[in-house]
Amino acid sequence: MNKERYKEEYEEGSDLLWPSDKEDKITRQFYKDLSNLSKNINYSKKRKLNLFEQLYRIIKGKEWR
């Protein structure tokens, strides 16, 4: 089904403009990609922190010996 953009009007005076199927698909893909990107950034930051944390523990451990 290929719906075109359409407008819904309500008695209260509010109007909703619904996207077409193509626009909806593009928007959903954009937010999916954005979500995946932020997950990857958070993962890489966490991984870098773990590397620094490990280096700190190694240096700190050698100072105590």
Protein backbone atom coordinates (compact mmCIF):
# COMPACT_ATOMS: atom_id res chain seq x y z
CA MET A 1 0.00 0.00 0.00
CA ASN A 2 1.41 3.38 -0.99
CA LYS A 3 -0.38 6.08 0.97
CA GLU A 4 0.15 9.70 0.04
CA ARG A 5 0.42 12.47 2.59
CA TYR A 6 -2.96 13.41 4.00
CA LYS A 7 -4.45 15.83 6.48
CA GLU A 8 -6.87 15.00 9.29
CA GLU A 9 -9.02 17.76 10.71
CA TYR A 10 -10.64 17.54 14.13
CA GLU A 11 -13.57 19.44 15.58
CA GLU A 12 -11.39 20.95 18.31
CA GLY A 13 -9.54 22.88 15.63
CA SER A 14 -6.36 20.84 15.49
CA ASP A 15 -5.11 19.49 12.20
CA LEU A 16 -2.72 16.58 11.75
CA LEU A 17 -0.62 16.17 8.64
CA TRP A 18 0.32 12.52 8.17
CA PRO A 19 3.40 11.61 6.11
CA SER A 20 3.31 9.50 2.99
CA ASP A 21 4.65 5.94 3.16
CA LYS A 22 7.89 7.02 1.49
CA GLU A 23 8.42 9.90 3.93
CA ASP A 24 7.57 7.65 6.86
CA LYS A 25 10.05 5.00 5.72
CA ILE A 26 12.84 7.56 5.30
CA THR A 27 12.13 9.13 8.70
CA ARG A 28 12.10 5.76 10.46
CA GLN A 29 15.38 4.77 8.78
CA PHE A 30 16.94 8.10 9.81
CA TYR A 31 16.06 7.61 13.47
CA LYS A 32 17.18 3.96 13.35
CA ASP A 33 20.55 5.01 11.91
CA LEU A 34 20.85 7.80 14.47
CA SER A 35 20.13 5.36 17.29
CA ASN A 36 22.72 2.89 16.01
CA LEU A 37 25.28 5.66 15.64
CA SER A 38 24.78 6.85 19.22
CA LYS A 39 25.08 3.26 20.49
CA ASN A 40 28.37 2.86 18.61
CA ILE A 41 29.72 6.15 19.95
CA ASN A 42 28.82 5.22 23.53
CA TYR A 43 30.42 1.79 23.07
CA SER A 44 33.67 3.24 21.69
CA LYS A 45 33.86 5.80 24.52
CA LYS A 46 33.33 3.06 27.06
CA ARG A 47 36.00 0.93 25.43
CA LYS A 48 38.50 3.80 25.45
CA LEU A 49 37.80 4.45 29.11
CA ASN A 50 38.42 0.80 29.85
CA LEU A 51 41.80 1.05 28.10
CA PHE A 52 42.79 4.08 30.17
CA GLU A 53 41.49 2.39 33.29
CA GLN A 54 43.60 -0.70 32.56
CA LEU A 55 46.71 1.42 31.94
CA TYR A 56 46.10 3.27 35.20
CA ARG A 57 45.79 0.01 37.10
CA ILE A 58 49.02 -1.31 35.55
CA ILE A 59 50.94 1.87 36.42
CA LYS A 60 49.42 2.05 39.89
CA GLY A 61 50.19 -1.62 40.49
CA LYS A 62 53.84 -1.20 39.46
CA GLU A 63 54.29 1.78 41.81
CA TRP A 64 53.22 -0.30 44.80
CA ARG A 65 55.73 -3.12 44.13
